[in-house]
Structure formats: structure tokens, C-alpha cells
Amino acid sequence: MPSTLAPKKNHLLASLPDAEWQRWRPQLEEADLPLGKVLYEPGKTMSHVYFPTTAIVSLLYVMEDGASAEIAVVGNEGIVGISLFMGGGSTPSRAVVQSAGHGYRLPSDAIKDEFNQPPVLHLLLRYTQALITQMAQTAVCNRHHSLDQQLCRWLLLSLDRLQGDELVMTQELISNMLGVRREGVTEGALKLQKAGLIRYARGRISVLDRPGLEKRSCECYEVVKKEYDRLLPGGVSK
């Protein structure tokens, strides 16, 4: 049993009515989420859902040749493993920790039982709608907007799910997330650094001018953020 209210750093857990929170609390298990940890693989049955508190998890679609592209990010606003309560049990995507931290997990049987409770049902369905919006907007962004704009969107979505203004992230990992060549990420990051928006060194990206980053991003970031803020209590963290 978690010894403190640390699980409530996750916005969904913090939004549970008291009766539901009292049922969930004994079943929540602390989860260490180191960089690169795979929470589930495509087509595999999931044993738990995860509620990140300080970590960020990337949902990736993986092609037959091993190439991958990110379809969504999940942090302290959400839950990883929606197919468990949506009835699928598995998904064609992979969930990988993109920013190390901590979270909590709940066994699959528990989340399936809880999904039958109206307060939980409504909360998780609203979250799922917000997540689907992010997935759809990511697909449109990757098709129609420049790499610079995609990189700005990705940085802002990640920042919203972190407490500070620094991300620990290699260019290789970013290229895998965005589904582009590493050289393209290098060029995009250098442009943003030259414009005074970020500082990138030794796998650390520090955002120096967030308003400038928002202006340089496409509309996709704002569309996703507004939908999370509209549907979920607390929205995203910033």
C-alpha cells in the first residue's frame, strides 16, 4: 500500500471520488519507471495499467521492419493501458518510458472491475477521448507540418508532463519517437538553439523561451492541450 498521497500527483488518481480512492489505494503498487523500460509490447496481454507521476511514457507504433513512430505521450495527466478497460486486452502499439521517473500501477482485473463503476467509467472515457485526440492530431501533424513544428509540439507536450523545464533525451531517441532520421533532429534542434528557444547539450534539452516555442509550433499542440483541459479535471500540469 502506498504510504503517502504521492499517487495523487497523477491527475486521474487525484480526480477519483473519495469512495473510489479508498478502494483503489490498497491495490496501487509503486512502480519505478527507468528510461527505456518497456511497459508492454504489441499484441501482448497486459497485466497492469500504469499511472505515471513523474515519468513520461511514449506510445509507439512499430512496423514489421522495426521502424517506429510515436502516436502519443502519457504523463502525470493520464493512464497507460487503456485497451484493458476498453475490452481489447492488447494493442498493436508499444509503451516505452521516454523520461525516467516513477508512477503507480493497478492490476488488470482491478481496473476491469472498477470500469463498471459510473464515476470511474465517466472519468476514463473522457481521458480516452483526450488521448484519441492526441493520436489523431499527431498523425495530421506528422503528415502536414515541418520537422521544426513537430519538434516544438513534441517538446511542449513533454514539458507539460514534467515539473521543470529540462528534458533528458538523446537525439537518437527523439528521432525514434518522431519517426525521422537523426540528422533531421540534429538540424531541427540546432535551429531552435540558434533562435534562443532551447539549449541542447549531452542529452539534456533545456527550454529557455517557452512562449517562443509555442509561437514556433503548429496549431496541433494547442488543439491537444485544449482538449485535455476541457475533458479532464486539472488538465495537464502547465
Foldseek 3Di string as FASTA:
>chain_A
DDPDPLQVLQQLLVPDDPVVNVVCVVQKDKFWAAAFDWQDAAPDFHFKKKQANAWKKFKWQADPVGAIATQFIDASHDMHDLCLQVVNRGHNIIITTHAGDITIIGTSVVLNVCCPPVVSVLQSVLVVVLSVLSRVLLVVCLVPHDPLQNVLLVLVNVVLRHDAQKGQADLVRVCSHHRHDSVRSVVSVVVCVVVVQWDDDDRMIGGDNNVVSVVRHDCSNVSSQVSQPVRGVCRTRD
